[in-house]
PDB file of N, CA and C in Angstrom:
ATOM      1  N   MET A   1       0.836  -1.158   0.000  1.00  0.00           N
ATOM      2  CA  MET A   1       0.000   0.000   0.000  1.00  0.00           C
ATOM      3  C   MET A   1       0.894   1.239   0.000  1.00  0.00           C
ATOM      4  N   GLN A   2       0.540   2.216  -0.762  1.00  0.00           N
ATOM      5  CA  GLN A   2       1.328   3.441  -0.861  1.00  0.00           C
ATOM      6  C   GLN A   2       0.440   4.626  -0.536  1.00  0.00           C
ATOM      7  N   PHE A   3       1.018   5.540   0.280  1.00  0.00           N
ATOM      8  CA  PHE A   3       0.268   6.738   0.653  1.00  0.00           C
ATOM      9  C   PHE A   3       0.977   7.949   0.089  1.00  0.00           C
ATOM     10  N   ASN A   4       0.252   8.795  -0.481  1.00  0.00           N
ATOM     11  CA  ASN A   4       0.778  10.080  -0.946  1.00  0.00           C
ATOM     12  C   ASN A   4       0.175  11.163  -0.065  1.00  0.00           C
ATOM     13  N   LEU A   5       1.049  11.908   0.545  1.00  0.00           N
ATOM     14  CA  LEU A   5       0.588  12.943   1.457  1.00  0.00           C
ATOM     15  C   LEU A   5       1.010  14.290   0.905  1.00  0.00           C
ATOM     16  N   LEU A   6       0.076  15.126   0.711  1.00  0.00           N
ATOM     17  CA  LEU A   6       0.344  16.461   0.202  1.00  0.00           C
ATOM     18  C   LEU A   6      -0.068  17.460   1.283  1.00  0.00           C
ATOM     19  N   ILE A   7       0.910  18.189   1.758  1.00  0.00           N
ATOM     20  CA  ILE A   7       0.625  19.188   2.785  1.00  0.00           C
ATOM     21  C   ILE A   7       0.869  20.563   2.189  1.00  0.00           C
ATOM     22  N   SER A   8      -0.111  21.366   2.296  1.00  0.00           N
ATOM     23  CA  SER A   8       0.010  22.731   1.815  1.00  0.00           C
ATOM     24  C   SER A   8       0.097  23.634   3.027  1.00  0.00           C
ATOM     25  N   CYS A   9       1.172  24.364   3.094  1.00  0.00           N
ATOM     26  CA  CYS A   9       1.381  25.215   4.257  1.00  0.00           C
ATOM     27  C   CYS A   9       1.562  26.648   3.792  1.00  0.00           C
ATOM     28  N   VAL A  10       0.663  27.485   4.223  1.00  0.00           N
ATOM     29  CA  VAL A  10       0.747  28.895   3.896  1.00  0.00           C
ATOM     30  C   VAL A  10       0.865  29.656   5.212  1.00  0.00           C
ATOM     31  N   ALA A  11       1.946  30.380   5.355  1.00  0.00           N
ATOM     32  CA  ALA A  11       2.168  31.133   6.585  1.00  0.00           C
ATOM     33  C   ALA A  11       1.198  32.301   6.669  1.00  0.00           C
ATOM     34  N   ALA A  12       0.636  32.461   7.840  1.00  0.00           N
ATOM     35  CA  ALA A  12      -0.272  33.585   8.056  1.00  0.00           C
ATOM     36  C   ALA A  12       0.520  34.878   8.133  1.00  0.00           C
ATOM     37  N   GLU A  13      -0.104  35.939   7.761  1.00  0.00           N
ATOM     38  CA  GLU A  13       0.521  37.260   7.845  1.00  0.00           C
ATOM     39  C   GLU A  13       0.770  37.573   9.328  1.00  0.00           C
ATOM     40  N   PRO A  14       2.009  37.942   9.704  1.00  0.00           N
ATOM     41  CA  PRO A  14       2.280  38.201  11.122  1.00  0.00           C
ATOM     42  C   PRO A  14       1.526  39.433  11.618  1.00  0.00           C
ATOM     43  N   ASN A  15       1.059  39.366  12.851  1.00  0.00           N
ATOM     44  CA  ASN A  15       0.377  40.495  13.471  1.00  0.00           C
ATOM     45  C   ASN A  15       1.419  41.311  14.231  1.00  0.00           C
ATOM     46  N   LEU A  16       1.805  42.424  13.673  1.00  0.00           N
ATOM     47  CA  LEU A  16       2.846  43.267  14.267  1.00  0.00           C
ATOM     48  C   LEU A  16       2.278  44.494  14.968  1.00  0.00           C
ATOM     49  N   LYS A  17       0.964  44.487  15.185  1.00  0.00           N
ATOM     50  CA  LYS A  17       0.319  45.652  15.777  1.00  0.00           C
ATOM     51  C   LYS A  17       0.907  45.989  17.156  1.00  0.00           C
ATOM     52  N   GLU A  18       1.021  44.995  18.042  1.00  0.00           N
ATOM     53  CA  GLU A  18       1.545  45.228  19.383  1.00  0.00           C
ATOM     54  C   GLU A  18       3.022  45.632  19.332  1.00  0.00           C
ATOM     55  N   SER A  19       3.806  44.958  18.513  1.00  0.00           N
ATOM     56  CA  SER A  19       5.232  45.276  18.403  1.00  0.00           C
ATOM     57  C   SER A  19       5.450  46.680  17.856  1.00  0.00           C
ATOM     58  N   THR A  20       4.663  47.062  16.876  1.00  0.00           N
ATOM     59  CA  THR A  20       4.777  48.396  16.288  1.00  0.00           C
ATOM     60  C   THR A  20       4.413  49.471  17.304  1.00  0.00           C
ATOM     61  N   ALA A  21       3.354  49.229  18.076  1.00  0.00           N
ATOM     62  CA  ALA A  21       2.951  50.197  19.103  1.00  0.00           C
ATOM     63  C   ALA A  21       4.041  50.324  20.168  1.00  0.00           C
ATOM     64  N   ARG A  22       4.618  49.205  20.593  1.00  0.00           N
ATOM     65  CA  ARG A  22       5.681  49.229  21.605  1.00  0.00           C
ATOM     66  C   ARG A  22       6.908  49.963  21.078  1.00  0.00           C
ATOM     67  N   LYS A  23       7.262  49.747  19.805  1.00  0.00           N
ATOM     68  CA  LYS A  23       8.416  50.426  19.200  1.00  0.00           C
ATOM     69  C   LYS A  23       8.209  51.941  19.200  1.00  0.00           C
ATOM     70  N   LYS A  24       6.989  52.383  18.918  1.00  0.00           N
ATOM     71  CA  LYS A  24       6.721  53.824  18.921  1.00  0.00           C
ATOM     72  C   LYS A  24       6.923  54.418  20.322  1.00  0.00           C
ATOM     73  N   ILE A  25       6.511  53.673  21.337  1.00  0.00           N
ATOM     74  CA  ILE A  25       6.707  54.135  22.720  1.00  0.00           C
ATOM     75  C   ILE A  25       8.199  54.202  23.031  1.00  0.00           C
ATOM     76  N   TYR A  26       8.930  53.146  22.704  1.00  0.00           N
ATOM     77  CA  TYR A  26      10.366  53.100  22.984  1.00  0.00           C
ATOM     78  C   TYR A  26      11.122  54.192  22.243  1.00  0.00           C
ATOM     79  N   ASP A  27      10.704  54.491  21.020  1.00  0.00           N
ATOM     80  CA  ASP A  27      11.383  55.521  20.237  1.00  0.00           C
ATOM     81  C   ASP A  27      11.236  56.905  20.862  1.00  0.00           C
ATOM     82  N   ARG A  28      10.182  57.103  21.667  1.00  0.00           N
ATOM     83  CA  ARG A  28       9.970  58.404  22.315  1.00  0.00           C
ATOM     84  C   ARG A  28      10.715  58.516  23.641  1.00  0.00           C
ATOM     85  N   CYS A  29      11.247  57.425  24.130  1.00  0.00           N
ATOM     86  CA  CYS A  29      11.958  57.442  25.415  1.00  0.00           C
ATOM     87  C   CYS A  29      13.313  58.118  25.233  1.00  0.00           C
ATOM     88  N   ASP A  30      13.562  59.101  26.065  1.00  0.00           N
ATOM     89  CA  ASP A  30      14.865  59.760  25.985  1.00  0.00           C
ATOM     90  C   ASP A  30      15.495  59.925  27.367  1.00  0.00           C
ATOM     91  N   GLU A  31      14.893  59.293  28.377  1.00  0.00           N
ATOM     92  CA  GLU A  31      15.429  59.367  29.730  1.00  0.00           C
ATOM     93  C   GLU A  31      16.640  58.447  29.848  1.00  0.00           C
ATOM     94  N   THR A  32      17.678  58.948  30.483  1.00  0.00           N
ATOM     95  CA  THR A  32      18.884  58.158  30.701  1.00  0.00           C
ATOM     96  C   THR A  32      18.707  57.292  31.939  1.00  0.00           C
ATOM     97  N   VAL A  33      19.078  56.036  31.816  1.00  0.00           N
ATOM     98  CA  VAL A  33      19.018  55.108  32.937  1.00  0.00           C
ATOM     99  C   VAL A  33      20.446  54.707  33.272  1.00  0.00           C
ATOM    100  N   ARG A  34      20.801  54.801  34.551  1.00  0.00           N
ATOM    101  CA  ARG A  34      22.162  54.473  34.977  1.00  0.00           C
ATOM    102  C   ARG A  34      22.183  53.062  35.541  1.00  0.00           C
ATOM    103  N   ILE A  35      22.908  52.174  34.861  1.00  0.00           N
ATOM    104  CA  ILE A  35      23.055  50.790  35.295  1.00  0.00           C
ATOM    105  C   ILE A  35      24.548  50.463  35.310  1.00  0.00           C
ATOM    106  N   PRO A  36      25.130  50.307  36.495  1.00  0.00           N
ATOM    107  CA  PRO A  36      26.547  49.951  36.531  1.00  0.00           C
ATOM    108  C   PRO A  36      26.727  48.450  36.338  1.00  0.00           C
ATOM    109  N   MET A  37      27.829  48.079  35.738  1.00  0.00           N
ATOM    110  CA  MET A  37      28.203  46.673  35.674  1.00  0.00           C
ATOM    111  C   MET A  37      29.231  46.466  36.776  1.00  0.00           C
ATOM    112  N   VAL A  38      28.870  45.654  37.744  1.00  0.00           N
ATOM    113  CA  VAL A  38      29.736  45.440  38.892  1.00  0.00           C
ATOM    114  C   VAL A  38      30.796  44.428  38.510  1.00  0.00           C
ATOM    115  N   GLY A  39      32.047  44.836  38.552  1.00  0.00           N
ATOM    116  CA  GLY A  39      33.118  43.946  38.148  1.00  0.00           C
ATOM    117  C   GLY A  39      34.323  44.054  39.048  1.00  0.00           C
ATOM    118  N   LYS A  40      35.254  43.194  38.785  1.00  0.00           N
ATOM    119  CA  LYS A  40      36.481  43.156  39.566  1.00  0.00           C
ATOM    120  C   LYS A  40      37.412  44.306  39.180  1.00  0.00           C
ATOM    121  N   TYR A  41      37.291  44.790  37.968  1.00  0.00           N
ATOM    122  CA  TYR A  41      38.206  45.806  37.461  1.00  0.00           C
ATOM    123  C   TYR A  41      37.441  47.006  36.923  1.00  0.00           C
ATOM    124  N   THR A  42      38.080  48.185  36.937  1.00  0.00           N
ATOM    125  CA  THR A  42      37.506  49.381  36.317  1.00  0.00           C
ATOM    126  C   THR A  42      38.604  50.161  35.629  1.00  0.00           C
ATOM    127  N   GLY A  43      38.239  51.030  34.734  1.00  0.00           N
ATOM    128  CA  GLY A  43      39.220  51.926  34.123  1.00  0.00           C
ATOM    129  C   GLY A  43      39.410  51.722  32.643  1.00  0.00           C
ATOM    130  N   LEU A  44      39.782  50.549  32.199  1.00  0.00           N
ATOM    131  CA  LEU A  44      40.025  50.286  30.782  1.00  0.00           C
ATOM    132  C   LEU A  44      38.937  49.367  30.250  1.00  0.00           C
ATOM    133  N   SER A  45      38.699  49.439  28.952  1.00  0.00           N
ATOM    134  CA  SER A  45      37.599  48.667  28.390  1.00  0.00           C
ATOM    135  C   SER A  45      37.878  47.172  28.288  1.00  0.00           C
ATOM    136  N   ASP A  46      39.141  46.784  28.119  1.00  0.00           N
ATOM    137  CA  ASP A  46      39.399  45.356  27.937  1.00  0.00           C
ATOM    138  C   ASP A  46      40.222  44.732  29.057  1.00  0.00           C
ATOM    139  N   ALA A  47      41.081  45.471  29.681  1.00  0.00           N
ATOM    140  CA  ALA A  47      41.876  44.948  30.799  1.00  0.00           C
ATOM    141  C   ALA A  47      42.071  46.102  31.762  1.00  0.00           C
ATOM    142  N   TYR A  48      41.531  45.976  32.964  1.00  0.00           N
ATOM    143  CA  TYR A  48      41.561  47.129  33.853  1.00  0.00           C
ATOM    144  C   TYR A  48      42.027  46.755  35.246  1.00  0.00           C
ATOM    145  N   LEU A  49      42.416  47.767  35.997  1.00  0.00           N
ATOM    146  CA  LEU A  49      43.042  47.580  37.306  1.00  0.00           C
ATOM    147  C   LEU A  49      42.034  47.154  38.362  1.00  0.00           C
ATOM    148  N   SER A  50      42.488  46.336  39.277  1.00  0.00           N
ATOM    149  CA  SER A  50      41.611  45.868  40.351  1.00  0.00           C
ATOM    150  C   SER A  50      41.318  47.003  41.326  1.00  0.00           C
ATOM    151  N   VAL A  51      40.045  47.162  41.660  1.00  0.00           N
ATOM    152  CA  VAL A  51      39.670  48.186  42.645  1.00  0.00           C
ATOM    153  C   VAL A  51      39.722  47.620  44.051  1.00  0.00           C
ATOM    154  N   LEU A  52      39.866  46.327  44.171  1.00  0.00           N
ATOM    155  CA  LEU A  52      39.805  45.698  45.482  1.00  0.00           C
ATOM    156  C   LEU A  52      41.049  45.922  46.324  1.00  0.00           C
ATOM    157  N   LYS A  53      42.129  46.363  45.732  1.00  0.00           N
ATOM    158  CA  LYS A  53      43.357  46.602  46.482  1.00  0.00           C
ATOM    159  C   LYS A  53      43.379  48.003  47.084  1.00  0.00           C
ATOM    160  N   ASP A  54      42.413  48.824  46.702  1.00  0.00           N
ATOM    161  CA  ASP A  54      42.387  50.219  47.127  1.00  0.00           C
ATOM    162  C   ASP A  54      41.115  50.489  47.928  1.00  0.00           C
ATOM    163  N   PRO A  55      41.209  50.709  49.251  1.00  0.00           N
ATOM    164  CA  PRO A  55      40.016  50.952  50.061  1.00  0.00           C
ATOM    165  C   PRO A  55      39.220  52.163  49.597  1.00  0.00           C
ATOM    166  N   GLU A  56      39.888  53.179  49.045  1.00  0.00           N
ATOM    167  CA  GLU A  56      39.170  54.349  48.545  1.00  0.00           C
ATOM    168  C   GLU A  56      38.270  53.985  47.373  1.00  0.00           C
ATOM    169  N   ALA A  57      38.665  52.981  46.604  1.00  0.00           N
ATOM    170  CA  ALA A  57      37.859  52.565  45.461  1.00  0.00           C
ATOM    171  C   ALA A  57      36.502  52.057  45.917  1.00  0.00           C
ATOM    172  N   TYR A  58      36.441  51.400  47.076  1.00  0.00           N
ATOM    173  CA  TYR A  58      35.154  50.941  47.607  1.00  0.00           C
ATOM    174  C   TYR A  58      34.227  52.126  47.870  1.00  0.00           C
ATOM    175  N   LYS A  59      34.772  53.208  48.443  1.00  0.00           N
ATOM    176  CA  LYS A  59      33.962  54.383  48.733  1.00  0.00           C
ATOM    177  C   LYS A  59      33.429  54.998  47.445  1.00  0.00           C
ATOM    178  N   VAL A  60      34.292  55.117  46.440  1.00  0.00           N
ATOM    179  CA  VAL A  60      33.879  55.670  45.147  1.00  0.00           C
ATOM    180  C   VAL A  60      32.803  54.789  44.523  1.00  0.00           C
ATOM    181  N   ALA A  61      33.042  53.470  44.513  1.00  0.00           N
ATOM    182  CA  ALA A  61      32.080  52.542  43.920  1.00  0.00           C
ATOM    183  C   ALA A  61      30.756  52.584  44.670  1.00  0.00           C
ATOM    184  N   TRP A  62      30.802  52.667  45.985  1.00  0.00           N
ATOM    185  CA  TRP A  62      29.578  52.702  46.787  1.00  0.00           C
ATOM    186  C   TRP A  62      28.763  53.955  46.483  1.00  0.00           C
ATOM    187  N   ASN A  63      29.432  55.105  46.338  1.00  0.00           N
ATOM    188  CA  ASN A  63      28.727  56.344  46.003  1.00  0.00           C
ATOM    189  C   ASN A  63      28.088  56.271  44.631  1.00  0.00           C
ATOM    190  N   ILE A  64      28.752  55.622  43.693  1.00  0.00           N
ATOM    191  CA  ILE A  64      28.168  55.430  42.363  1.00  0.00           C
ATOM    192  C   ILE A  64      26.951  54.530  42.459  1.00  0.00           C
ATOM    193  N   LEU A  65      27.075  53.448  43.196  1.00  0.00           N
ATOM    194  CA  LEU A  65      26.005  52.466  43.320  1.00  0.00           C
ATOM    195  C   LEU A  65      24.743  53.085  43.927  1.00  0.00           C
ATOM    196  N   LYS A  66      24.919  54.023  44.852  1.00  0.00           N
ATOM    197  CA  LYS A  66      23.766  54.637  45.513  1.00  0.00           C
ATOM    198  C   LYS A  66      22.902  55.452  44.561  1.00  0.00           C
ATOM    199  N   GLY A  67      23.430  55.874  43.412  1.00  0.00           N
ATOM    200  CA  GLY A  67      22.654  56.720  42.509  1.00  0.00           C
ATOM    201  C   GLY A  67      22.196  56.045  41.229  1.00  0.00           C
ATOM    202  N   VAL A  68      22.145  54.713  41.211  1.00  0.00           N
ATOM    203  CA  VAL A  68      21.832  54.023  39.959  1.00  0.00           C
ATOM    204  C   VAL A  68      20.366  53.602  39.894  1.00  0.00           C
ATOM    205  N   ASP A  69      19.928  53.237  38.692  1.00  0.00           N
ATOM    206  CA  ASP A  69      18.559  52.797  38.458  1.00  0.00           C
ATOM    207  C   ASP A  69      18.439  51.281  38.435  1.00  0.00           C
ATOM    208  N   GLY A  70      19.552  50.585  38.388  1.00  0.00           N
ATOM    209  CA  GLY A  70      19.567  49.132  38.361  1.00  0.00           C
ATOM    210  C   GLY A  70      21.005  48.662  38.499  1.00  0.00           C
ATOM    211  N   VAL A  71      21.183  47.370  38.718  1.00  0.00           N
ATOM    212  CA  VAL A  71      22.521  46.802  38.891  1.00  0.00           C
ATOM    213  C   VAL A  71      22.648  45.558  38.019  1.00  0.00           C
ATOM    214  N   LEU A  72      23.768  45.453  37.315  1.00  0.00           N
ATOM    215  CA  LEU A  72      24.091  44.279  36.512  1.00  0.00           C
ATOM    216  C   LEU A  72      25.340  43.634  37.102  1.00  0.00           C
ATOM    217  N   VAL A  73      25.212  42.381  37.516  1.00  0.00           N
ATOM    218  CA  VAL A  73      26.368  41.634  38.014  1.00  0.00           C
ATOM    219  C   VAL A  73      26.610  40.481  37.049  1.00  0.00           C
ATOM    220  N   PRO A  74      27.686  40.567  36.253  1.00  0.00           N
ATOM    221  CA  PRO A  74      27.967  39.552  35.246  1.00  0.00           C
ATOM    222  C   PRO A  74      28.776  38.384  35.801  1.00  0.00           C
ATOM    223  N   ARG A  75      29.229  37.554  34.899  1.00  0.00           N
ATOM    224  CA  ARG A  75      30.070  36.417  35.266  1.00  0.00           C
ATOM    225  C   ARG A  75      31.366  36.925  35.883  1.00  0.00           C
ATOM    226  N   GLY A  76      32.111  36.033  36.463  1.00  0.00           N
ATOM    227  CA  GLY A  76      33.377  36.427  37.051  1.00  0.00           C
ATOM    228  C   GLY A  76      34.197  35.198  37.380  1.00  0.00           C
ATOM    229  N   PHE A  77      35.399  35.450  37.812  1.00  0.00           N
ATOM    230  CA  PHE A  77      36.263  34.343  38.187  1.00  0.00           C
ATOM    231  C   PHE A  77      37.246  34.842  39.226  1.00  0.00           C
ATOM    232  N   GLY A  78      37.798  33.928  39.967  1.00  0.00           N
ATOM    233  CA  GLY A  78      38.749  34.294  41.010  1.00  0.00           C
ATOM    234  C   GLY A  78      38.037  34.828  42.235  1.00  0.00           C
ATOM    235  N   ASP A  79      38.777  34.896  43.328  1.00  0.00           N
ATOM    236  CA  ASP A  79      38.188  35.329  44.587  1.00  0.00           C
ATOM    237  C   ASP A  79      38.123  36.845  44.719  1.00  0.00           C
ATOM    238  N   GLY A  80      39.001  37.545  44.031  1.00  0.00           N
ATOM    239  CA  GLY A  80      39.153  38.982  44.244  1.00  0.00           C
ATOM    240  C   GLY A  80      37.908  39.817  44.077  1.00  0.00           C
ATOM    241  N   GLY A  81      37.115  39.596  43.048  1.00  0.00           N
ATOM    242  CA  GLY A  81      35.977  40.467  42.781  1.00  0.00           C
ATOM    243  C   GLY A  81      34.665  40.007  43.361  1.00  0.00           C
ATOM    244  N   VAL A  82      34.632  38.819  43.919  1.00  0.00           N
ATOM    245  CA  VAL A  82      33.366  38.260  44.379  1.00  0.00           C
ATOM    246  C   VAL A  82      32.778  39.056  45.544  1.00  0.00           C
ATOM    247  N   GLN A  83      33.609  39.481  46.479  1.00  0.00           N
ATOM    248  CA  GLN A  83      33.086  40.209  47.637  1.00  0.00           C
ATOM    249  C   GLN A  83      32.366  41.484  47.221  1.00  0.00           C
ATOM    250  N   GLY A  84      32.919  42.221  46.276  1.00  0.00           N
ATOM    251  CA  GLY A  84      32.261  43.438  45.790  1.00  0.00           C
ATOM    252  C   GLY A  84      30.939  43.122  45.100  1.00  0.00           C
ATOM    253  N   LYS A  85      30.902  42.017  44.361  1.00  0.00           N
ATOM    254  CA  LYS A  85      29.661  41.622  43.699  1.00  0.00           C
ATOM    255  C   LYS A  85      28.599  41.216  44.715  1.00  0.00           C
ATOM    256  N   ILE A  86      29.028  40.551  45.785  1.00  0.00           N
ATOM    257  CA  ILE A  86      28.090  40.173  46.847  1.00  0.00           C
ATOM    258  C   ILE A  86      27.519  41.426  47.509  1.00  0.00           C
ATOM    259  N   LEU A  87      28.379  42.402  47.783  1.00  0.00           N
ATOM    260  CA  LEU A  87      27.920  43.648  48.413  1.00  0.00           C
ATOM    261  C   LEU A  87      26.946  44.408  47.508  1.00  0.00           C
ATOM    262  N   ALA A  88      27.250  44.458  46.219  1.00  0.00           N
ATOM    263  CA  ALA A  88      26.358  45.142  45.277  1.00  0.00           C
ATOM    264  C   ALA A  88      25.011  44.427  45.191  1.00  0.00           C
ATOM    265  N   THR A  89      25.043  43.095  45.224  1.00  0.00           N
ATOM    266  CA  THR A  89      23.813  42.305  45.176  1.00  0.00           C
ATOM    267  C   THR A  89      22.971  42.562  46.421  1.00  0.00           C
ATOM    268  N   LYS A  90      23.616  42.576  47.586  1.00  0.00           N
ATOM    269  CA  LYS A  90      22.906  42.874  48.837  1.00  0.00           C
ATOM    270  C   LYS A  90      22.292  44.271  48.788  1.00  0.00           C
ATOM    271  N   TYR A  91      23.073  45.236  48.293  1.00  0.00           N
ATOM    272  CA  TYR A  91      22.576  46.607  48.206  1.00  0.00           C
ATOM    273  C   TYR A  91      21.314  46.656  47.342  1.00  0.00           C
ATOM    274  N   ALA A  92      21.353  46.003  46.191  1.00  0.00           N
ATOM    275  CA  ALA A  92      20.200  46.011  45.286  1.00  0.00           C
ATOM    276  C   ALA A  92      18.980  45.399  45.970  1.00  0.00           C
ATOM    277  N   GLY A  93      19.182  44.300  46.654  1.00  0.00           N
ATOM    278  CA  GLY A  93      18.062  43.648  47.328  1.00  0.00           C
ATOM    279  C   GLY A  93      17.495  44.470  48.469  1.00  0.00           C
ATOM    280  N   GLU A  94      18.356  45.056  49.269  1.00  0.00           N
ATOM    281  CA  GLU A  94      17.924  45.820  50.438  1.00  0.00           C
ATOM    282  C   GLU A  94      17.282  47.150  50.070  1.00  0.00           C
ATOM    283  N   HIS A  95      17.606  47.679  48.886  1.00  0.00           N
ATOM    284  CA  HIS A  95      17.082  48.986  48.483  1.00  0.00           C
ATOM    285  C   HIS A  95      16.117  48.890  47.298  1.00  0.00           C
ATOM    286  N   SER A  96      15.646  47.688  46.996  1.00  0.00           N
ATOM    287  CA  SER A  96      14.678  47.460  45.901  1.00  0.00           C
ATOM    288  C   SER A  96      15.145  48.041  44.574  1.00  0.00           C
ATOM    289  N   VAL A  97      16.428  47.875  44.276  1.00  0.00           N
ATOM    290  CA  VAL A  97      16.996  48.329  43.009  1.00  0.00           C
ATOM    291  C   VAL A  97      16.891  47.171  42.019  1.00  0.00           C
ATOM    292  N   PRO A  98      16.364  47.407  40.811  1.00  0.00           N
ATOM    293  CA  PRO A  98      16.291  46.323  39.827  1.00  0.00           C
ATOM    294  C   PRO A  98      17.664  45.686  39.627  1.00  0.00           C
ATOM    295  N   PHE A  99      17.678  44.366  39.487  1.00  0.00           N
ATOM    296  CA  PHE A  99      18.925  43.612  39.470  1.00  0.00           C
ATOM    297  C   PHE A  99      18.890  42.564  38.370  1.00  0.00           C
ATOM    298  N   LEU A 100      20.019  42.436  37.657  1.00  0.00           N
ATOM    299  CA  LEU A 100      20.181  41.355  36.685  1.00  0.00           C
ATOM    300  C   LEU A 100      21.494  40.660  36.986  1.00  0.00           C
ATOM    301  N   GLY A 101      21.419  39.385  37.314  1.00  0.00           N
ATOM    302  CA  GLY A 101      22.606  38.592  37.573  1.00  0.00           C
ATOM    303  C   GLY A 101      22.814  37.608  36.443  1.00  0.00           C
ATOM    304  N   ILE A 102      24.002  37.619  35.862  1.00  0.00           N
ATOM    305  CA  ILE A 102      24.334  36.715  34.767  1.00  0.00           C
ATOM    306  C   ILE A 102      25.434  35.780  35.250  1.00  0.00           C
ATOM    307  N   CYS A 103      25.230  34.495  35.105  1.00  0.00           N
ATOM    308  CA  CYS A 103      26.205  33.478  35.484  1.00  0.00           C
ATOM    309  C   CYS A 103      26.530  33.592  36.976  1.00  0.00           C
ATOM    310  N   LEU A 104      27.719  34.035  37.318  1.00  0.00           N
ATOM    311  CA  LEU A 104      28.087  34.185  38.724  1.00  0.00           C
ATOM    312  C   LEU A 104      27.135  35.143  39.434  1.00  0.00           C
ATOM    313  N   GLY A 105      26.712  36.192  38.742  1.00  0.00           N
ATOM    314  CA  GLY A 105      25.771  37.148  39.333  1.00  0.00           C
ATOM    315  C   GLY A 105      24.470  36.486  39.752  1.00  0.00           C
ATOM    316  N   MET A 106      23.973  35.542  38.953  1.00  0.00           N
ATOM    317  CA  MET A 106      22.754  34.818  39.309  1.00  0.00           C
ATOM    318  C   MET A 106      23.015  33.886  40.483  1.00  0.00           C
ATOM    319  N   GLN A 107      24.177  33.263  40.520  1.00  0.00           N
ATOM    320  CA  GLN A 107      24.520  32.385  41.645  1.00  0.00           C
ATOM    321  C   GLN A 107      24.570  33.193  42.952  1.00  0.00           C
ATOM    322  N   ILE A 108      25.123  34.386  42.880  1.00  0.00           N
ATOM    323  CA  ILE A 108      25.230  35.222  44.069  1.00  0.00           C
ATOM    324  C   ILE A 108      23.843  35.618  44.568  1.00  0.00           C
ATOM    325  N   VAL A 109      22.972  36.042  43.642  1.00  0.00           N
ATOM    326  CA  VAL A 109      21.642  36.492  44.069  1.00  0.00           C
ATOM    327  C   VAL A 109      20.829  35.322  44.634  1.00  0.00           C
ATOM    328  N   VAL A 110      21.002  34.137  44.117  1.00  0.00           N
ATOM    329  CA  VAL A 110      20.313  32.972  44.658  1.00  0.00           C
ATOM    330  C   VAL A 110      20.824  32.669  46.071  1.00  0.00           C
ATOM    331  N   ASN A 111      22.124  32.774  46.275  1.00  0.00           N
ATOM    332  CA  ASN A 111      22.697  32.539  47.597  1.00  0.00           C
ATOM    333  C   ASN A 111      22.270  33.596  48.605  1.00  0.00           C
ATOM    334  N   GLU A 112      22.083  34.816  48.141  1.00  0.00           N
ATOM    335  CA  GLU A 112      21.679  35.898  49.043  1.00  0.00           C
ATOM    336  C   GLU A 112      20.232  35.744  49.400  1.00  0.00           C
TER     337      GLU A 112
END
């Protein structure tokens, strides 16, 4: 016995009404949002000096953190930068600051 199956598939026209309306709203947004990336190093874009060896750097970083709209804690490695990431995560939680943890950042927020 032989079966011949013919399937005709015509894609429906996508409904972009909601996406188009959202894009118009986003295009009108011009407010600046400050989101620091909490890391082990600061200063250079690809390889930067550790702030953990300088106690004054903690004060500077803390003052910056107090004025932000959200916190991003990315992946990391080594012991040096983890303490600062933990402190930033605690700050975000205690002050209801929006938080995004990626990789190590998510592990820290789950532990907190």
